[in-house]
Amino acid sequence: MFCNRWVALWLPFFFISLAANSSASMTDEQIEKYIALKLKRNDHVLRLNEKSIGDKGVKFLATSPLLESVEKLIIYKGNIRDEGVRALANSRKLVQLTALYLENNQITDRGAGMIASSKTFKNLRILNLYRNKITDKGAKAIAESDTLSSFGDEGTRSLTTSSSLNQLKKIGLAYNQLSRAGREVLEKFNILQNINNLGTSKRINEIGGLIHGDSGVEALMGFSNISKLDDLDLSDSDLTDRSAIAIANSEGLKGLFSLNLSGNRITDSGAKALADSENLGQLKKLNLNFNFIGDLGARAIAKSPYLANLKSLKLGQNRVGKVGAKALKESDTLVNLMHPIFGFY
């Protein structure tokens, strides 16, 4: 009876003590032994998963000569804060590093700024900062970095237009304190990387399949080889007039022969932007089926001097009435059309 009471009283303290010990920071000696063992198996990859090394441990780690061969460094739930990031950013041992995973730590915008300005990280291709405390300010610092290899923005533009970020191919900032604009930046970045991959694989005309939403089209506008596109299929991509206007304003699309914008949410404003675009003067095919274009948009297309080369124009299942249909039929510029405008859906 006494024994049972003693166990009942002692047991909670045992578990508290156990938890405290398990979360205690590793000593320098423990870290050195641990990384030596890990790198003995693969000296290019070092994983420290749920090892509470803290900033003090990271500072020791950053000076270890064992890191000179490491290409991928993962510190997951390591209780790292900005000072730990500083140690990594200033390390002379991480010369081979191309992938850095610092998921689920305590890194703030200050740490993000250190990453952005670090020459140690100039060759990074992957940066994972999931579940930290970074806001748009930190993402912006990385986007505007002169040394980093590729990243994000506060407003939605810096990430996809930054000329200084040309190595980084994958960014992880999910579950941070980003605003909607910051999240849109990441989406643009990922889309643009996928676009670039297709562009280098000589499948450039399949790019439309990667795009969904206006932010995707805006990312496409930052594609360095956009001028090589001659056929762009953006059908059923949830696009609005914002995308139509972006396409119309793009000088990089002057070589486009075929444009498919069917099944979207384009209205008269978008149609007018396309009609008024000198950049689309080479178009032979324009598909605007299943949108929300009315008489105003139809009349703008009918009067457009820039769409005179069209051989195929599709405006079926829109909101074009008799006025718009009459304007299209009597157009002095759409004289090369070979197919019915309101047929062949």
Protein backbone atom coordinates (compact mmCIF):
# COMPACT_ATOMS: atom_id res chain seq x y z
CA MET A 1 0.00 0.00 0.00
CA PHE A 2 2.78 2.37 1.01
CA CYS A 3 4.76 1.32 -2.07
CA ASN A 4 1.84 2.09 -4.39
CA ARG A 5 1.42 5.53 -2.84
CA TRP A 6 5.11 6.19 -3.19
CA VAL A 7 5.05 5.21 -6.88
CA ALA A 8 1.96 7.35 -7.49
CA LEU A 9 3.69 10.37 -5.95
CA TRP A 10 7.03 9.78 -7.65
CA LEU A 11 5.85 8.83 -11.15
CA PRO A 12 4.76 12.33 -12.33
CA PHE A 13 8.12 13.77 -11.30
CA PHE A 14 9.87 10.98 -13.21
CA PHE A 15 8.08 11.89 -16.45
CA ILE A 16 8.67 15.62 -15.91
CA SER A 17 12.37 14.90 -15.42
CA LEU A 18 12.43 12.65 -18.49
CA ALA A 19 10.77 15.31 -20.64
CA ALA A 20 13.17 17.96 -19.40
CA ASN A 21 16.17 15.77 -20.22
CA SER A 22 14.85 14.91 -23.67
CA SER A 23 14.38 18.58 -24.54
CA ALA A 24 17.69 19.72 -23.02
CA SER A 25 20.22 21.14 -25.46
CA MET A 26 22.95 18.81 -26.65
CA THR A 27 26.48 19.56 -25.49
CA ASP A 28 29.26 20.35 -27.95
CA GLU A 29 30.77 16.92 -27.36
CA GLN A 30 27.44 15.20 -28.03
CA ILE A 31 26.94 17.22 -31.22
CA GLU A 32 30.42 16.37 -32.49
CA LYS A 33 29.94 12.64 -31.88
CA TYR A 34 26.48 12.69 -33.42
CA ILE A 35 27.44 14.48 -36.64
CA ALA A 36 30.57 12.34 -37.03
CA LEU A 37 28.40 9.23 -36.91
CA LYS A 38 25.83 10.66 -39.35
CA LEU A 39 28.42 11.87 -41.84
CA LYS A 40 30.26 8.56 -41.75
CA ARG A 41 27.27 7.09 -43.61
CA ASN A 42 26.89 9.97 -46.06
CA ASP A 43 29.22 12.93 -45.83
CA HIS A 44 27.06 15.03 -48.19
CA VAL A 45 23.90 15.04 -46.07
CA LEU A 46 23.56 15.99 -42.41
CA ARG A 47 20.18 15.55 -40.69
CA LEU A 48 19.51 16.80 -37.19
CA ASN A 49 15.87 15.90 -36.69
CA GLU A 50 14.36 16.99 -33.37
CA LYS A 51 17.78 17.45 -31.81
CA SER A 52 17.54 20.47 -29.53
CA ILE A 53 20.92 21.98 -30.23
CA GLY A 54 19.83 25.62 -29.80
CA ASP A 55 21.81 28.63 -30.94
CA LYS A 56 24.81 27.60 -28.85
CA GLY A 57 24.92 24.22 -30.54
CA VAL A 58 24.56 25.75 -33.99
CA LYS A 59 27.49 28.06 -33.28
CA PHE A 60 29.63 25.02 -32.48
CA LEU A 61 28.28 23.15 -35.50
CA ALA A 62 29.11 26.04 -37.85
CA THR A 63 32.80 25.82 -36.95
CA SER A 64 33.15 22.07 -37.41
CA PRO A 65 35.48 20.99 -40.25
CA LEU A 66 33.21 17.97 -40.71
CA LEU A 67 30.73 20.26 -42.51
CA GLU A 68 33.07 21.02 -45.39
CA SER A 69 31.63 18.20 -47.51
CA VAL A 70 27.97 18.80 -46.59
CA GLU A 71 25.68 19.72 -49.49
CA LYS A 72 22.37 19.31 -47.67
CA LEU A 73 21.86 20.48 -44.09
CA ILE A 74 18.62 19.71 -42.23
CA ILE A 75 17.94 21.04 -38.74
CA TYR A 76 14.32 20.20 -37.90
CA LYS A 77 12.91 21.34 -34.56
CA GLY A 78 16.36 22.32 -33.35
CA ASN A 79 15.20 25.28 -31.26
CA ILE A 80 17.19 27.62 -33.50
CA ARG A 81 16.71 31.35 -33.33
CA ASP A 82 18.20 34.24 -35.27
CA GLU A 83 21.61 34.03 -33.59
CA GLY A 84 21.90 30.43 -34.71
CA VAL A 85 21.10 31.53 -38.26
CA ARG A 86 23.83 34.15 -37.98
CA ALA A 87 26.36 31.45 -37.13
CA LEU A 88 25.38 29.39 -40.17
CA ALA A 89 25.33 32.45 -42.42
CA ASN A 90 28.88 33.37 -41.39
CA SER A 91 30.25 29.82 -41.48
CA ARG A 92 33.29 29.18 -43.64
CA LYS A 93 32.71 25.44 -43.49
CA LEU A 94 29.51 25.29 -45.55
CA VAL A 95 31.19 25.98 -48.88
CA GLN A 96 29.44 23.05 -50.62
CA LEU A 97 25.94 23.79 -49.32
CA THR A 98 23.14 23.78 -51.94
CA ALA A 99 20.14 22.83 -49.77
CA LEU A 100 19.22 24.23 -46.35
CA TYR A 101 16.23 23.00 -44.32
CA LEU A 102 15.48 24.93 -41.11
CA GLU A 103 11.88 23.82 -40.63
CA ASN A 104 9.99 24.30 -37.36
CA ASN A 105 12.34 26.63 -35.52
CA GLN A 106 12.09 30.17 -34.08
CA ILE A 107 13.54 32.20 -36.98
CA THR A 108 12.15 35.71 -37.52
CA ASP A 109 12.55 38.40 -40.20
CA ARG A 110 15.93 39.24 -38.67
CA GLY A 111 17.18 35.74 -39.42
CA ALA A 112 15.70 35.87 -42.91
CA GLY A 113 17.69 39.05 -43.51
CA MET A 114 20.88 37.27 -42.43
CA ILE A 115 20.18 34.48 -44.89
CA ALA A 116 19.53 37.04 -47.62
CA SER A 117 22.86 38.81 -47.12
CA SER A 118 25.00 35.71 -46.59
CA LYS A 119 27.71 34.89 -49.13
CA THR A 120 27.86 31.42 -47.58
CA PHE A 121 24.44 30.68 -49.06
CA LYS A 122 25.10 32.06 -52.55
CA ASN A 123 24.89 28.57 -54.11
CA LEU A 124 21.64 27.52 -52.42
CA ARG A 125 19.11 25.88 -54.69
CA ILE A 126 16.67 24.80 -51.97
CA LEU A 127 15.70 26.81 -48.89
CA ASN A 128 13.08 25.43 -46.51
CA LEU A 129 11.91 27.77 -43.74
CA TYR A 130 8.55 26.15 -42.99
CA ARG A 131 6.94 26.88 -39.63
CA ASN A 132 9.04 29.78 -38.41
CA LYS A 133 8.09 33.37 -37.55
CA ILE A 134 8.86 35.07 -40.84
CA THR A 135 6.57 37.75 -42.26
CA ASP A 136 6.45 39.54 -45.62
CA LYS A 137 9.35 41.72 -44.47
CA GLY A 138 11.65 38.71 -44.22
CA ALA A 139 10.46 37.31 -47.52
CA LYS A 140 11.12 40.67 -49.15
CA ALA A 141 14.66 40.72 -47.79
CA ILE A 142 15.33 37.37 -49.46
CA ALA A 143 13.70 38.50 -52.70
CA GLU A 144 15.92 41.54 -52.95
CA SER A 145 19.10 39.70 -51.99
CA ASP A 146 22.18 40.40 -54.09
CA THR A 147 23.88 37.18 -53.04
CA LEU A 148 21.17 34.58 -52.59
CA SER A 149 20.14 32.32 -55.37
CA SER A 150 16.32 32.87 -55.51
CA PHE A 151 13.31 33.88 -53.41
CA GLY A 152 10.14 35.89 -52.26
CA ASP A 153 8.42 39.39 -51.88
CA GLU A 154 6.17 41.56 -49.79
CA GLY A 155 3.88 42.78 -52.53
CA THR A 156 3.80 40.04 -55.23
CA ARG A 157 6.40 41.32 -57.63
CA SER A 158 9.93 41.17 -56.18
CA LEU A 159 10.09 37.39 -56.15
CA THR A 160 9.19 36.89 -59.79
CA THR A 161 11.10 39.87 -61.17
CA SER A 162 14.30 39.83 -59.10
CA SER A 163 17.29 39.55 -61.44
CA SER A 164 19.70 38.76 -58.62
CA LEU A 165 18.05 35.49 -57.56
CA ASN A 166 18.97 33.01 -60.23
CA GLN A 167 20.09 29.78 -58.52
CA LEU A 168 17.41 28.94 -55.96
CA LYS A 169 14.82 26.56 -57.42
CA LYS A 170 12.69 25.71 -54.41
CA ILE A 171 11.52 27.85 -51.49
CA GLY A 172 9.58 26.75 -48.44
CA LEU A 173 7.87 29.48 -46.42
CA ALA A 174 4.57 27.79 -45.66
CA TYR A 175 3.14 28.14 -42.14
CA ASN A 176 4.90 31.43 -41.50
CA GLN A 177 3.21 34.77 -40.88
CA LEU A 178 2.87 35.80 -44.52
CA SER A 179 -0.02 37.87 -45.75
CA ARG A 180 -2.12 36.92 -48.75
CA ALA A 181 0.28 38.93 -50.90
CA GLY A 182 3.24 37.03 -49.51
CA ARG A 183 1.59 33.68 -50.19
CA GLU A 184 0.86 34.80 -53.73
CA VAL A 185 4.55 35.55 -54.14
CA LEU A 186 5.44 31.97 -53.28
CA GLU A 187 2.83 30.67 -55.70
CA LYS A 188 4.30 32.82 -58.46
CA PHE A 189 7.79 31.64 -57.66
CA ASN A 190 6.81 27.97 -57.88
CA ILE A 191 4.91 28.50 -61.13
CA LEU A 192 7.83 30.34 -62.67
CA GLN A 193 10.24 27.56 -61.71
CA ASN A 194 7.96 24.98 -63.35
CA ILE A 195 7.71 27.20 -66.42
CA ASN A 196 11.48 27.48 -66.61
CA ASN A 197 11.83 23.71 -66.34
CA LEU A 198 9.47 23.19 -69.28
CA GLY A 199 11.23 25.89 -71.24
CA THR A 200 14.60 24.16 -70.90
CA SER A 201 13.10 20.78 -71.83
CA LYS A 202 11.92 22.07 -75.22
CA ARG A 203 8.25 21.68 -74.25
CA ILE A 204 7.67 25.39 -74.18
CA ASN A 205 4.22 25.31 -75.79
CA GLU A 206 2.91 23.12 -72.94
CA ILE A 207 3.43 25.94 -70.45
CA GLY A 208 -0.26 26.88 -70.37
CA GLY A 209 -1.03 23.65 -68.55
CA LEU A 210 0.94 24.88 -65.53
CA ILE A 211 -1.02 28.09 -65.11
CA HIS A 212 -4.14 28.56 -63.03
CA GLY A 213 -5.39 31.98 -61.99
CA ASP A 214 -4.21 35.50 -62.71
CA SER A 215 -1.11 35.14 -60.55
CA GLY A 216 0.04 32.34 -62.84
CA VAL A 217 -0.21 34.60 -65.88
CA GLU A 218 1.71 37.31 -64.03
CA ALA A 219 4.43 34.76 -63.28
CA LEU A 220 4.49 33.82 -66.96
CA MET A 221 5.22 37.44 -67.82
CA GLY A 222 8.53 37.03 -65.96
CA PHE A 223 9.58 34.01 -68.05
CA SER A 224 12.89 34.86 -69.72
CA ASN A 225 12.05 32.89 -72.89
CA ILE A 226 8.48 34.13 -73.28
CA SER A 227 9.35 35.49 -76.72
CA LYS A 228 9.80 31.91 -77.96
CA LEU A 229 6.11 31.12 -77.41
CA ASP A 230 4.03 30.85 -80.56
CA ASP A 231 1.11 28.83 -79.18
CA LEU A 232 -0.37 29.64 -75.77
CA ASP A 233 -3.28 27.58 -74.44
CA LEU A 234 -4.77 29.07 -71.25
CA SER A 235 -8.21 27.54 -71.57
CA ASP A 236 -10.18 26.77 -68.39
CA SER A 237 -7.57 28.47 -66.21
CA ASP A 238 -9.84 30.66 -64.04
CA LEU A 239 -8.54 33.86 -65.62
CA THR A 240 -10.10 37.30 -65.48
CA ASP A 241 -9.61 40.57 -67.35
CA ARG A 242 -6.46 41.03 -65.29
CA SER A 243 -4.80 38.23 -67.26
CA ALA A 244 -6.14 39.40 -70.61
CA ILE A 245 -4.71 42.86 -69.96
CA ALA A 246 -1.35 41.42 -68.88
CA ILE A 247 -1.17 39.36 -72.07
CA ALA A 248 -2.15 42.33 -74.20
CA ASN A 249 0.57 44.48 -72.62
CA SER A 250 3.33 41.91 -73.00
CA GLU A 251 5.88 42.80 -75.66
CA GLY A 252 7.33 39.32 -75.19
CA LEU A 253 4.29 37.79 -76.88
CA LYS A 254 4.75 39.56 -80.22
CA GLY A 255 5.56 36.24 -81.87
CA LEU A 256 2.34 34.54 -80.73
CA PHE A 257 0.33 32.89 -83.53
CA SER A 258 -2.32 31.11 -81.45
CA LEU A 259 -4.00 32.19 -78.19
CA ASN A 260 -6.67 30.13 -76.44
CA LEU A 261 -8.49 31.90 -73.59
CA SER A 262 -11.70 29.89 -73.74
CA GLY A 263 -13.55 28.87 -70.59
CA ASN A 264 -12.43 31.78 -68.43
CA ARG A 265 -14.06 34.89 -66.93
CA ILE A 266 -13.02 37.51 -69.44
CA THR A 267 -15.44 40.39 -70.05
CA ASP A 268 -15.62 43.34 -72.44
CA SER A 269 -12.67 45.02 -70.71
CA GLY A 270 -10.38 42.08 -71.37
CA ALA A 271 -11.61 41.70 -74.94
CA LYS A 272 -10.99 45.39 -75.60
CA ALA A 273 -7.45 45.12 -74.19
CA LEU A 274 -6.72 42.25 -76.57
CA ALA A 275 -8.25 44.13 -79.50
CA ASP A 276 -6.18 47.24 -78.79
CA SER A 277 -2.91 45.34 -78.44
CA GLU A 278 -0.27 46.02 -81.07
CA ASN A 279 1.70 43.14 -79.51
CA LEU A 280 -0.80 40.58 -80.80
CA GLY A 281 -0.57 41.62 -84.43
CA GLN A 282 0.78 38.21 -85.52
CA LEU A 283 -2.17 36.21 -84.15
CA LYS A 284 -3.76 33.74 -86.57
CA LYS A 285 -6.04 32.04 -84.02
CA LEU A 286 -7.92 33.58 -81.09
CA ASN A 287 -10.29 31.44 -79.05
CA LEU A 288 -12.55 33.33 -76.62
CA ASN A 289 -15.38 30.79 -76.40
CA PHE A 290 -17.23 30.44 -73.07
CA ASN A 291 -16.41 33.80 -71.50
CA PHE A 292 -18.52 36.85 -70.55
CA ILE A 293 -17.90 39.07 -73.55
CA GLY A 294 -20.76 41.23 -74.78
CA ASP A 295 -21.42 43.68 -77.58
CA LEU A 296 -18.79 46.19 -76.46
CA GLY A 297 -16.04 43.59 -76.56
CA ALA A 298 -17.25 42.20 -79.89
CA ARG A 299 -17.29 45.66 -81.45
CA ALA A 300 -13.77 46.37 -80.20
CA ILE A 301 -12.54 43.15 -81.82
CA ALA A 302 -14.40 43.95 -85.03
CA LYS A 303 -12.71 47.35 -85.30
CA SER A 304 -9.23 46.22 -84.27
CA PRO A 305 -6.52 46.96 -86.86
CA TYR A 306 -4.17 44.61 -84.96
CA LEU A 307 -6.27 41.46 -85.41
CA ALA A 308 -6.39 41.66 -89.19
CA ASN A 309 -4.26 38.51 -89.57
CA LEU A 310 -6.80 36.32 -87.75
CA LYS A 311 -7.91 33.26 -89.70
CA SER A 312 -9.86 31.81 -86.77
CA LEU A 313 -11.87 33.79 -84.19
CA LYS A 314 -14.12 32.00 -81.73
CA LEU A 315 -16.66 33.88 -79.63
CA GLY A 316 -19.27 31.21 -79.01
CA GLN A 317 -21.17 30.99 -75.71
CA ASN A 318 -20.55 34.59 -74.68
CA ARG A 319 -22.99 37.47 -74.26
CA VAL A 320 -22.72 38.91 -77.73
CA GLY A 321 -26.07 40.22 -79.02
CA LYS A 322 -27.28 41.42 -82.38
CA VAL A 323 -25.24 44.63 -82.26
CA GLY A 324 -21.99 42.82 -81.63
CA ALA A 325 -22.73 40.08 -84.14
CA LYS A 326 -23.52 42.70 -86.81
CA ALA A 327 -20.25 44.54 -86.10
CA LEU A 328 -18.28 41.32 -86.49
CA LYS A 329 -20.06 40.38 -89.70
CA GLU A 330 -19.48 43.81 -91.27
CA SER A 331 -15.88 44.18 -90.03
CA ASP A 332 -13.46 45.69 -92.52
CA THR A 333 -10.46 44.16 -90.77
CA LEU A 334 -11.51 40.58 -90.03
CA VAL A 335 -11.42 39.69 -93.72
CA ASN A 336 -9.21 36.60 -93.46
CA LEU A 337 -11.49 34.51 -91.24
CA MET A 338 -11.97 30.99 -92.55
CA HIS A 339 -14.36 29.59 -89.90
CA PRO A 340 -17.62 30.69 -88.29
CA ILE A 341 -17.09 32.96 -85.26
CA PHE A 342 -19.93 31.41 -83.27
CA GLY A 343 -19.43 27.78 -84.29
CA PHE A 344 -17.15 24.81 -83.63
CA TYR A 345 -17.06 25.00 -79.84
